[in-house]
Amino acid sequence: IEFNKLRATAFPNAYFGKDNDARTGSKGDFIFREADASGTEFISIMF
């Protein structure tokens, strides 16, 4: 909820969602990723 409050203004081009990939036997809660206009990812965070 806290992230979605600021998504439109502070992080309009960012991805923030649940980590549902448990193929390796474990998974995190959320993943944050953001890339520039050319598609180069410059930040990614596992929460």
All heavy atoms as atom14 arrays in JSON, in Angstrom:
{
  "sequence": "IEFNKLRATAFPNAYFGKDNDARTGSKGDFIFREADASGTEFISIMF",
  "atom14_mask": [
    [1, 1, 1, 1, 1, 1, 1, 1, 0, 0, 0, 0, 0, 0],
    [1, 1, 1, 1, 1, 1, 1, 1, 1, 0, 0, 0, 0, 0],
    [1, 1, 1, 1, 1, 1, 1, 1, 1, 1, 1, 0, 0, 0],
    [1, 1, 1, 1, 1, 1, 1, 1, 0, 0, 0, 0, 0, 0],
    [1, 1, 1, 1, 1, 1, 1, 1, 1, 0, 0, 0, 0, 0],
    [1, 1, 1, 1, 1, 1, 1, 1, 0, 0, 0, 0, 0, 0],
    [1, 1, 1, 1, 1, 1, 1, 1, 1, 1, 1, 0, 0, 0],
    [1, 1, 1, 1, 1, 0, 0, 0, 0, 0, 0, 0, 0, 0],
    [1, 1, 1, 1, 1, 1, 1, 0, 0, 0, 0, 0, 0, 0],
    [1, 1, 1, 1, 1, 0, 0, 0, 0, 0, 0, 0, 0, 0],
    [1, 1, 1, 1, 1, 1, 1, 1, 1, 1, 1, 0, 0, 0],
    [1, 1, 1, 1, 1, 1, 1, 0, 0, 0, 0, 0, 0, 0],
    [1, 1, 1, 1, 1, 1, 1, 1, 0, 0, 0, 0, 0, 0],
    [1, 1, 1, 1, 1, 0, 0, 0, 0, 0, 0, 0, 0, 0],
    [1, 1, 1, 1, 1, 1, 1, 1, 1, 1, 1, 1, 0, 0],
    [1, 1, 1, 1, 1, 1, 1, 1, 1, 1, 1, 0, 0, 0],
    [1, 1, 1, 1, 0, 0, 0, 0, 0, 0, 0, 0, 0, 0],
    [1, 1, 1, 1, 1, 1, 1, 1, 1, 0, 0, 0, 0, 0],
    [1, 1, 1, 1, 1, 1, 1, 1, 0, 0, 0, 0, 0, 0],
    [1, 1, 1, 1, 1, 1, 1, 1, 0, 0, 0, 0, 0, 0],
    [1, 1, 1, 1, 1, 1, 1, 1, 0, 0, 0, 0, 0, 0],
    [1, 1, 1, 1, 1, 0, 0, 0, 0, 0, 0, 0, 0, 0],
    [1, 1, 1, 1, 1, 1, 1, 1, 1, 1, 1, 0, 0, 0],
    [1, 1, 1, 1, 1, 1, 1, 0, 0, 0, 0, 0, 0, 0],
    [1, 1, 1, 1, 0, 0, 0, 0, 0, 0, 0, 0, 0, 0],
    [1, 1, 1, 1, 1, 1, 0, 0, 0, 0, 0, 0, 0, 0],
    [1, 1, 1, 1, 1, 1, 1, 1, 1, 0, 0, 0, 0, 0],
    [1, 1, 1, 1, 0, 0, 0, 0, 0, 0, 0, 0, 0, 0],
    [1, 1, 1, 1, 1, 1, 1, 1, 0, 0, 0, 0, 0, 0],
    [1, 1, 1, 1, 1, 1, 1, 1, 1, 1, 1, 0, 0, 0],
    [1, 1, 1, 1, 1, 1, 1, 1, 0, 0, 0, 0, 0, 0],
    [1, 1, 1, 1, 1, 1, 1, 1, 1, 1, 1, 0, 0, 0],
    [1, 1, 1, 1, 1, 1, 1, 1, 1, 1, 1, 0, 0, 0],
    [1, 1, 1, 1, 1, 1, 1, 1, 1, 0, 0, 0, 0, 0],
    [1, 1, 1, 1, 1, 0, 0, 0, 0, 0, 0, 0, 0, 0],
    [1, 1, 1, 1, 1, 1, 1, 1, 0, 0, 0, 0, 0, 0],
    [1, 1, 1, 1, 1, 0, 0, 0, 0, 0, 0, 0, 0, 0],
    [1, 1, 1, 1, 1, 1, 0, 0, 0, 0, 0, 0, 0, 0],
    [1, 1, 1, 1, 0, 0, 0, 0, 0, 0, 0, 0, 0, 0],
    [1, 1, 1, 1, 1, 1, 1, 0, 0, 0, 0, 0, 0, 0],
    [1, 1, 1, 1, 1, 1, 1, 1, 1, 0, 0, 0, 0, 0],
    [1, 1, 1, 1, 1, 1, 1, 1, 1, 1, 1, 0, 0, 0],
    [1, 1, 1, 1, 1, 1, 1, 1, 0, 0, 0, 0, 0, 0],
    [1, 1, 1, 1, 1, 1, 0, 0, 0, 0, 0, 0, 0, 0],
    [1, 1, 1, 1, 1, 1, 1, 1, 0, 0, 0, 0, 0, 0],
    [1, 1, 1, 1, 1, 1, 1, 1, 0, 0, 0, 0, 0, 0],
    [1, 1, 1, 1, 1, 1, 1, 1, 1, 1, 1, 0, 0, 0]
  ],
  "atom14_positions": [
    [[0.84, -1.21, 0.0], [0.0, 0.0, 0.0], [0.88, 1.26, 0.0], [0.61, 2.22, -0.74], [-0.95, -0.01, 1.21], [-2.0, -1.13, 1.06], [-1.63, 1.33, 1.38], [-2.82, -1.38, 2.3], [0.0, 0.0, 0.0], [0.0, 0.0, 0.0], [0.0, 0.0, 0.0], [0.0, 0.0, 0.0], [0.0, 0.0, 0.0], [0.0, 0.0, 0.0]],
    [[1.93, 1.25, 0.82], [2.81, 2.42, 0.88], [3.47, 2.7, -0.46], [3.62, 3.85, -0.88], [3.89, 2.21, 1.96], [3.36, 2.24, 3.39], [2.75, 3.58, 3.75], [3.34, 4.62, 3.38], [1.66, 3.59, 4.36], [0.0, 0.0, 0.0], [0.0, 0.0, 0.0], [0.0, 0.0, 0.0], [0.0, 0.0, 0.0], [0.0, 0.0, 0.0]],
    [[3.87, 1.63, -1.17], [4.49, 1.82, -2.48], [3.48, 2.33, -3.49], [3.77, 3.25, -4.28], [5.12, 0.51, -2.97], [5.83, 0.65, -4.29], [7.14, 1.09, -4.34], [5.18, 0.36, -5.48], [7.8, 1.24, -5.55], [5.84, 0.5, -6.69], [7.14, 0.94, -6.73], [0.0, 0.0, 0.0], [0.0, 0.0, 0.0], [0.0, 0.0, 0.0]],
    [[2.29, 1.75, -3.49], [1.27, 2.15, -4.46], [0.82, 3.6, -4.24], [0.35, 4.25, -5.19], [0.07, 1.21, -4.4], [0.39, -0.16, -4.98], [1.2, -0.26, -5.91], [-0.21, -1.21, -4.44], [0.0, 0.0, 0.0], [0.0, 0.0, 0.0], [0.0, 0.0, 0.0], [0.0, 0.0, 0.0], [0.0, 0.0, 0.0], [0.0, 0.0, 0.0]],
    [[0.94, 4.1, -3.03], [0.59, 5.51, -2.79], [1.49, 6.44, -3.6], [1.07, 7.52, -4.03], [0.75, 5.84, -1.31], [-0.36, 5.28, -0.42], [-0.09, 5.67, 1.04], [-1.15, 5.09, 1.97], [-0.87, 5.44, 3.39], [0.0, 0.0, 0.0], [0.0, 0.0, 0.0], [0.0, 0.0, 0.0], [0.0, 0.0, 0.0], [0.0, 0.0, 0.0]],
    [[2.75, 6.02, -3.81], [3.73, 6.87, -4.49], [4.1, 6.37, -5.88], [4.95, 6.98, -6.55], [5.01, 6.97, -3.65], [4.85, 7.57, -2.25], [6.15, 7.43, -1.47], [4.44, 9.03, -2.33], [0.0, 0.0, 0.0], [0.0, 0.0, 0.0], [0.0, 0.0, 0.0], [0.0, 0.0, 0.0], [0.0, 0.0, 0.0], [0.0, 0.0, 0.0]],
    [[3.5, 5.27, -6.31], [3.9, 4.66, -7.59], [3.75, 5.65, -8.75], [4.66, 5.82, -9.57], [3.07, 3.41, -7.86], [3.47, 2.69, -9.15], [2.44, 1.63, -9.51], [2.47, 0.51, -8.6], [3.22, -0.58, -8.79], [4.0, -0.67, -9.85], [3.17, -1.57, -7.92], [0.0, 0.0, 0.0], [0.0, 0.0, 0.0], [0.0, 0.0, 0.0]],
    [[2.59, 6.31, -8.85], [2.31, 7.18, -10.01], [3.21, 8.4, -10.06], [3.57, 8.87, -11.15], [0.84, 7.6, -9.99], [0.0, 0.0, 0.0], [0.0, 0.0, 0.0], [0.0, 0.0, 0.0], [0.0, 0.0, 0.0], [0.0, 0.0, 0.0], [0.0, 0.0, 0.0], [0.0, 0.0, 0.0], [0.0, 0.0, 0.0], [0.0, 0.0, 0.0]],
    [[3.6, 8.91, -8.92], [4.38, 10.15, -8.9], [5.88, 9.91, -8.78], [6.67, 10.56, -9.48], [3.93, 11.03, -7.71], [4.05, 10.26, -6.5], [2.5, 11.48, -7.9], [0.0, 0.0, 0.0], [0.0, 0.0, 0.0], [0.0, 0.0, 0.0], [0.0, 0.0, 0.0], [0.0, 0.0, 0.0], [0.0, 0.0, 0.0], [0.0, 0.0, 0.0]],
    [[6.28, 8.99, -7.93], [7.71, 8.78, -7.68], [8.31, 7.67, -8.51], [9.5, 7.73, -8.87], [7.95, 8.49, -6.19], [0.0, 0.0, 0.0], [0.0, 0.0, 0.0], [0.0, 0.0, 0.0], [0.0, 0.0, 0.0], [0.0, 0.0, 0.0], [0.0, 0.0, 0.0], [0.0, 0.0, 0.0], [0.0, 0.0, 0.0], [0.0, 0.0, 0.0]],
    [[7.52, 6.62, -8.83], [8.06, 5.46, -9.55], [7.15, 5.09, -10.73], [6.62, 3.97, -10.8], [8.19, 4.26, -8.61], [8.86, 4.59, -7.3], [8.1, 4.75, -6.14], [10.22, 4.76, -7.22], [8.71, 5.04, -4.93], [10.84, 5.07, -6.02], [10.08, 5.21, -4.87], [0.0, 0.0, 0.0], [0.0, 0.0, 0.0], [0.0, 0.0, 0.0]],
    [[6.95, 6.0, -11.69], [6.0, 5.72, -12.78], [6.46, 4.6, -13.71], [5.63, 3.92, -14.32], [5.91, 7.06, -13.53], [7.21, 7.74, -13.22], [7.56, 7.33, -11.83], [0.0, 0.0, 0.0], [0.0, 0.0, 0.0], [0.0, 0.0, 0.0], [0.0, 0.0, 0.0], [0.0, 0.0, 0.0], [0.0, 0.0, 0.0], [0.0, 0.0, 0.0]],
    [[7.75, 4.4, -13.87], [8.28, 3.4, -14.81], [8.8, 2.16, -14.11], [9.44, 1.32, -14.75], [9.4, 4.03, -15.65], [8.94, 5.23, -16.43], [7.84, 5.23, -16.98], [9.77, 6.27, -16.49], [0.0, 0.0, 0.0], [0.0, 0.0, 0.0], [0.0, 0.0, 0.0], [0.0, 0.0, 0.0], [0.0, 0.0, 0.0], [0.0, 0.0, 0.0]],
    [[8.55, 2.03, -12.82], [9.11, 0.91, -12.05], [8.14, -0.27, -12.0], [6.92, -0.11, -12.16], [9.46, 1.37, -10.64], [0.0, 0.0, 0.0], [0.0, 0.0, 0.0], [0.0, 0.0, 0.0], [0.0, 0.0, 0.0], [0.0, 0.0, 0.0], [0.0, 0.0, 0.0], [0.0, 0.0, 0.0], [0.0, 0.0, 0.0], [0.0, 0.0, 0.0]],
    [[8.73, -1.46, -11.8], [7.94, -2.67, -11.57], [8.07, -3.03, -10.09], [9.16, -3.08, -9.54], [8.45, -3.82, -12.43], [7.92, -5.17, -12.0], [6.65, -5.61, -12.39], [8.68, -6.0, -11.17], [6.17, -6.83, -11.97], [8.2, -7.22, -10.75], [6.94, -7.64, -11.15], [6.44, -8.84, -10.73], [0.0, 0.0, 0.0], [0.0, 0.0, 0.0]],
    [[6.93, -3.29, -9.45], [6.94, -3.73, -8.07], [5.81, -4.75, -7.92], [4.63, -4.44, -8.08], [6.7, -2.55, -7.12], [6.72, -2.94, -5.66], [7.92, -3.21, -5.02], [5.55, -3.07, -4.94], [7.95, -3.58, -3.68], [5.57, -3.43, -3.61], [6.77, -3.69, -2.97], [0.0, 0.0, 0.0], [0.0, 0.0, 0.0], [0.0, 0.0, 0.0]],
    [[6.2, -5.99, -7.64], [5.19, -7.04, -7.55], [5.67, -8.21, -6.72], [6.85, -8.29, -6.32], [0.0, 0.0, 0.0], [0.0, 0.0, 0.0], [0.0, 0.0, 0.0], [0.0, 0.0, 0.0], [0.0, 0.0, 0.0], [0.0, 0.0, 0.0], [0.0, 0.0, 0.0], [0.0, 0.0, 0.0], [0.0, 0.0, 0.0], [0.0, 0.0, 0.0]],
    [[4.75, -9.11, -6.47], [5.04, -10.31, -5.68], [5.99, -11.23, -6.43], [5.95, -11.33, -7.66], [3.74, -11.06, -5.37], [2.81, -10.32, -4.42], [3.25, -10.45, -2.97], [3.06, -11.88, -2.49], [3.44, -12.01, -1.05], [0.0, 0.0, 0.0], [0.0, 0.0, 0.0], [0.0, 0.0, 0.0], [0.0, 0.0, 0.0], [0.0, 0.0, 0.0]],
    [[6.84, -11.89, -5.7], [7.73, -12.9, -6.26], [7.02, -14.25, -6.14], [6.99, -14.86, -5.06], [9.06, -12.92, -5.52], [10.0, -13.98, -6.07], [9.78, -14.43, -7.21], [10.95, -14.35, -5.36], [0.0, 0.0, 0.0], [0.0, 0.0, 0.0], [0.0, 0.0, 0.0], [0.0, 0.0, 0.0], [0.0, 0.0, 0.0], [0.0, 0.0, 0.0]],
    [[6.45, -14.71, -7.25], [5.67, -15.96, -7.25], [6.44, -17.12, -7.84], [5.87, -18.21, -8.0], [4.36, -15.75, -8.02], [3.46, -14.72, -7.35], [3.33, -14.7, -6.12], [2.86, -13.85, -8.16], [0.0, 0.0, 0.0], [0.0, 0.0, 0.0], [0.0, 0.0, 0.0], [0.0, 0.0, 0.0], [0.0, 0.0, 0.0], [0.0, 0.0, 0.0]],
    [[7.7, -16.91, -8.22], [8.5, -17.96, -8.83], [9.2, -18.77, -7.74], [10.19, -18.33, -7.15], [9.53, -17.34, -9.78], [10.29, -18.4, -10.56], [9.95, -19.59, -10.42], [11.21, -18.03, -11.31], [0.0, 0.0, 0.0], [0.0, 0.0, 0.0], [0.0, 0.0, 0.0], [0.0, 0.0, 0.0], [0.0, 0.0, 0.0], [0.0, 0.0, 0.0]],
    [[8.65, -19.97, -7.47], [9.23, -20.84, -6.44], [9.83, -22.09, -7.04], [9.93, -23.13, -6.38], [8.16, -21.2, -5.41], [0.0, 0.0, 0.0], [0.0, 0.0, 0.0], [0.0, 0.0, 0.0], [0.0, 0.0, 0.0], [0.0, 0.0, 0.0], [0.0, 0.0, 0.0], [0.0, 0.0, 0.0], [0.0, 0.0, 0.0], [0.0, 0.0, 0.0]],
    [[10.29, -22.01, -8.29], [10.84, -23.2, -8.96], [12.11, -23.7, -8.28], [12.43, -24.89, -8.34], [11.14, -22.86, -10.43], [9.89, -22.7, -11.29], [10.25, -22.29, -12.7], [10.88, -20.98, -12.71], [11.34, -20.39, -13.82], [11.26, -21.02, -14.98], [11.89, -19.19, -13.74], [0.0, 0.0, 0.0], [0.0, 0.0, 0.0], [0.0, 0.0, 0.0]],
    [[12.87, -22.79, -7.66], [14.12, -23.19, -7.01], [13.91, -23.67, -5.57], [14.88, -23.98, -4.88], [15.12, -22.02, -7.02], [14.52, -20.92, -6.33], [15.45, -21.61, -8.45], [0.0, 0.0, 0.0], [0.0, 0.0, 0.0], [0.0, 0.0, 0.0], [0.0, 0.0, 0.0], [0.0, 0.0, 0.0], [0.0, 0.0, 0.0], [0.0, 0.0, 0.0]],
    [[12.66, -23.68, -5.11], [12.36, -24.14, -3.76], [12.13, -23.04, -2.76], [11.72, -23.32, -1.63], [0.0, 0.0, 0.0], [0.0, 0.0, 0.0], [0.0, 0.0, 0.0], [0.0, 0.0, 0.0], [0.0, 0.0, 0.0], [0.0, 0.0, 0.0], [0.0, 0.0, 0.0], [0.0, 0.0, 0.0], [0.0, 0.0, 0.0], [0.0, 0.0, 0.0]],
    [[12.42, -21.79, -3.12], [12.19, -20.67, -2.22], [11.9, -19.43, -3.06], [12.2, -19.38, -4.26], [13.4, -20.42, -1.31], [14.51, -20.03, -2.09], [0.0, 0.0, 0.0], [0.0, 0.0, 0.0], [0.0, 0.0, 0.0], [0.0, 0.0, 0.0], [0.0, 0.0, 0.0], [0.0, 0.0, 0.0], [0.0, 0.0, 0.0], [0.0, 0.0, 0.0]],
    [[11.34, -18.41, -2.42], [11.03, -17.17, -3.11], [10.98, -16.04, -2.08], [10.77, -16.27, -0.89], [9.72, -17.26, -3.87], [8.49, -17.47, -2.99], [7.24, -17.62, -3.83], [5.98, -17.75, -2.94], [5.72, -16.51, -2.21], [0.0, 0.0, 0.0], [0.0, 0.0, 0.0], [0.0, 0.0, 0.0], [0.0, 0.0, 0.0], [0.0, 0.0, 0.0]],
    [[11.19, -14.81, -2.58], [11.06, -13.65, -1.72], [9.62, -13.19, -1.67], [8.7, -13.89, -2.13], [0.0, 0.0, 0.0], [0.0, 0.0, 0.0], [0.0, 0.0, 0.0], [0.0, 0.0, 0.0], [0.0, 0.0, 0.0], [0.0, 0.0, 0.0], [0.0, 0.0, 0.0], [0.0, 0.0, 0.0], [0.0, 0.0, 0.0], [0.0, 0.0, 0.0]],
    [[9.39, -11.99, -1.11], [8.03, -11.45, -1.04], [7.75, -10.51, -2.2], [6.72, -10.64, -2.87], [7.84, -10.73, 0.29], [7.77, -11.72, 1.45], [7.27, -12.84, 1.24], [8.22, -11.38, 2.55], [0.0, 0.0, 0.0], [0.0, 0.0, 0.0], [0.0, 0.0, 0.0], [0.0, 0.0, 0.0], [0.0, 0.0, 0.0], [0.0, 0.0, 0.0]],
    [[8.65, -9.54, -2.45], [8.44, -8.58, -3.51], [9.75, -8.35, -4.26], [10.84, -8.52, -3.71], [7.96, -7.23, -2.95], [6.54, -7.24, -2.47], [6.24, -7.46, -1.14], [5.49, -7.04, -3.37], [4.94, -7.47, -0.7], [4.18, -7.05, -2.92], [3.89, -7.27, -1.59], [0.0, 0.0, 0.0], [0.0, 0.0, 0.0], [0.0, 0.0, 0.0]],
    [[9.61, -7.95, -5.53], [10.76, -7.58, -6.36], [10.49, -6.2, -6.95], [9.41, -5.95, -7.5], [11.0, -8.6, -7.5], [11.43, -9.95, -6.92], [12.08, -8.08, -8.46], [11.64, -11.02, -7.97], [0.0, 0.0, 0.0], [0.0, 0.0, 0.0], [0.0, 0.0, 0.0], [0.0, 0.0, 0.0], [0.0, 0.0, 0.0], [0.0, 0.0, 0.0]],
    [[11.47, -5.34, -6.83], [11.4, -3.99, -7.4], [12.44, -3.91, -8.52], [13.6, -4.23, -8.33], [11.7, -2.94, -6.33], [11.82, -1.54, -6.88], [10.7, -0.73, -7.0], [13.05, -1.03, -7.28], [10.8, 0.56, -7.5], [13.16, 0.25, -7.79], [12.03, 1.05, -7.9], [0.0, 0.0, 0.0], [0.0, 0.0, 0.0], [0.0, 0.0, 0.0]],
    [[11.98, -3.48, -9.71], [12.88, -3.3, -10.84], [12.53, -2.0, -11.56], [11.36, -1.62, -11.62], [12.8, -4.46, -11.84], [13.2, -5.82, -11.28], [13.16, -6.87, -12.36], [13.38, -8.19, -11.83], [14.58, -8.74, -11.64], [15.66, -8.05, -11.94], [14.71, -9.95, -11.14], [0.0, 0.0, 0.0], [0.0, 0.0, 0.0], [0.0, 0.0, 0.0]],
    [[13.57, -1.36, -12.13], [13.33, -0.16, -12.93], [14.41, -0.07, -14.0], [15.58, -0.38, -13.75], [13.34, 1.11, -12.08], [12.89, 2.34, -12.85], [12.63, 3.54, -11.96], [12.75, 3.41, -10.73], [12.3, 4.61, -12.5], [0.0, 0.0, 0.0], [0.0, 0.0, 0.0], [0.0, 0.0, 0.0], [0.0, 0.0, 0.0], [0.0, 0.0, 0.0]],
    [[13.98, 0.35, -15.21], [14.88, 0.47, -16.35], [14.71, 1.85, -16.98], [13.72, 2.54, -16.76], [14.61, -0.63, -17.38], [0.0, 0.0, 0.0], [0.0, 0.0, 0.0], [0.0, 0.0, 0.0], [0.0, 0.0, 0.0], [0.0, 0.0, 0.0], [0.0, 0.0, 0.0], [0.0, 0.0, 0.0], [0.0, 0.0, 0.0], [0.0, 0.0, 0.0]],
    [[15.72, 2.24, -17.79], [15.63, 3.53, -18.47], [14.82, 3.39, -19.75], [14.25, 2.33, -20.04], [17.04, 4.07, -18.75], [17.82, 3.16, -19.69], [17.29, 2.1, -20.07], [18.96, 3.5, -20.02], [0.0, 0.0, 0.0], [0.0, 0.0, 0.0], [0.0, 0.0, 0.0], [0.0, 0.0, 0.0], [0.0, 0.0, 0.0], [0.0, 0.0, 0.0]],
    [[14.77, 4.48, -20.55], [13.95, 4.48, -21.76], [14.43, 3.46, -22.78], [13.64, 2.93, -23.58], [13.95, 5.88, -22.39], [0.0, 0.0, 0.0], [0.0, 0.0, 0.0], [0.0, 0.0, 0.0], [0.0, 0.0, 0.0], [0.0, 0.0, 0.0], [0.0, 0.0, 0.0], [0.0, 0.0, 0.0], [0.0, 0.0, 0.0], [0.0, 0.0, 0.0]],
    [[15.74, 3.16, -22.78], [16.27, 2.19, -23.74], [16.11, 0.75, -23.28], [16.47, -0.18, -24.0], [17.76, 2.47, -23.98], [18.5, 2.31, -22.78], [0.0, 0.0, 0.0], [0.0, 0.0, 0.0], [0.0, 0.0, 0.0], [0.0, 0.0, 0.0], [0.0, 0.0, 0.0], [0.0, 0.0, 0.0], [0.0, 0.0, 0.0], [0.0, 0.0, 0.0]],
    [[15.57, 0.56, -22.07], [15.36, -0.78, -21.56], [16.48, -1.32, -20.71], [16.45, -2.48, -20.3], [0.0, 0.0, 0.0], [0.0, 0.0, 0.0], [0.0, 0.0, 0.0], [0.0, 0.0, 0.0], [0.0, 0.0, 0.0], [0.0, 0.0, 0.0], [0.0, 0.0, 0.0], [0.0, 0.0, 0.0], [0.0, 0.0, 0.0], [0.0, 0.0, 0.0]],
    [[17.48, -0.5, -20.44], [18.6, -0.94, -19.59], [18.19, -0.88, -18.12], [17.88, 0.18, -17.6], [19.83, -0.05, -19.82], [20.21, -0.1, -21.2], [21.0, -0.51, -18.96], [0.0, 0.0, 0.0], [0.0, 0.0, 0.0], [0.0, 0.0, 0.0], [0.0, 0.0, 0.0], [0.0, 0.0, 0.0], [0.0, 0.0, 0.0], [0.0, 0.0, 0.0]],
    [[18.18, -2.03, -17.47], [17.81, -2.07, -16.05], [18.94, -1.5, -15.21], [20.09, -1.91, -15.32], [17.52, -3.52, -15.65], [17.06, -3.65, -14.19], [16.78, -5.09, -13.81], [15.76, -5.65, -14.28], [17.6, -5.66, -13.08], [0.0, 0.0, 0.0], [0.0, 0.0, 0.0], [0.0, 0.0, 0.0], [0.0, 0.0, 0.0], [0.0, 0.0, 0.0]],
    [[18.6, -0.53, -14.34], [19.63, 0.1, -13.54], [19.44, -0.13, -12.04], [20.31, 0.25, -11.25], [19.71, 1.6, -13.83], [18.47, 2.38, -13.51], [18.26, 2.89, -12.24], [17.51, 2.59, -14.47], [17.11, 3.61, -11.94], [16.36, 3.3, -14.19], [16.16, 3.81, -12.92], [0.0, 0.0, 0.0], [0.0, 0.0, 0.0], [0.0, 0.0, 0.0]],
    [[18.33, -0.76, -11.63], [18.12, -1.03, -10.21], [17.18, -2.21, -10.07], [16.19, -2.33, -10.81], [17.55, 0.21, -9.47], [17.36, -0.08, -7.99], [16.26, 0.68, -10.12], [18.61, -0.29, -7.22], [0.0, 0.0, 0.0], [0.0, 0.0, 0.0], [0.0, 0.0, 0.0], [0.0, 0.0, 0.0], [0.0, 0.0, 0.0], [0.0, 0.0, 0.0]],
    [[17.49, -3.11, -9.15], [16.61, -4.25, -8.85], [16.83, -4.63, -7.38], [17.97, -4.71, -6.93], [16.91, -5.44, -9.76], [18.26, -5.83, -9.65], [0.0, 0.0, 0.0], [0.0, 0.0, 0.0], [0.0, 0.0, 0.0], [0.0, 0.0, 0.0], [0.0, 0.0, 0.0], [0.0, 0.0, 0.0], [0.0, 0.0, 0.0], [0.0, 0.0, 0.0]],
    [[15.7, -4.84, -6.68], [15.76, -5.1, -5.24], [14.85, -6.28, -4.9], [13.69, -6.31, -5.33], [15.32, -3.88, -4.41], [16.07, -2.62, -4.84], [15.53, -4.13, -2.93], [15.56, -1.34, -4.2], [0.0, 0.0, 0.0], [0.0, 0.0, 0.0], [0.0, 0.0, 0.0], [0.0, 0.0, 0.0], [0.0, 0.0, 0.0], [0.0, 0.0, 0.0]],
    [[15.38, -7.23, -4.15], [14.58, -8.34, -3.63], [14.2, -7.99, -2.19], [15.05, -7.69, -1.36], [15.39, -9.64, -3.66], [14.75, -10.8, -2.91], [13.17, -11.33, -3.62], [13.76, -12.11, -5.14], [0.0, 0.0, 0.0], [0.0, 0.0, 0.0], [0.0, 0.0, 0.0], [0.0, 0.0, 0.0], [0.0, 0.0, 0.0], [0.0, 0.0, 0.0]],
    [[12.87, -8.01, -1.91], [12.35, -7.67, -0.58], [11.84, -8.92, 0.13], [11.22, -9.8, -0.51], [11.21, -6.66, -0.68], [11.67, -5.26, -0.96], [11.62, -4.75, -2.24], [12.16, -4.46, 0.05], [12.03, -3.46, -2.52], [12.57, -3.17, -0.21], [12.52, -2.67, -1.49], [0.0, 0.0, 0.0], [0.0, 0.0, 0.0], [0.0, 0.0, 0.0]]
  ]
}
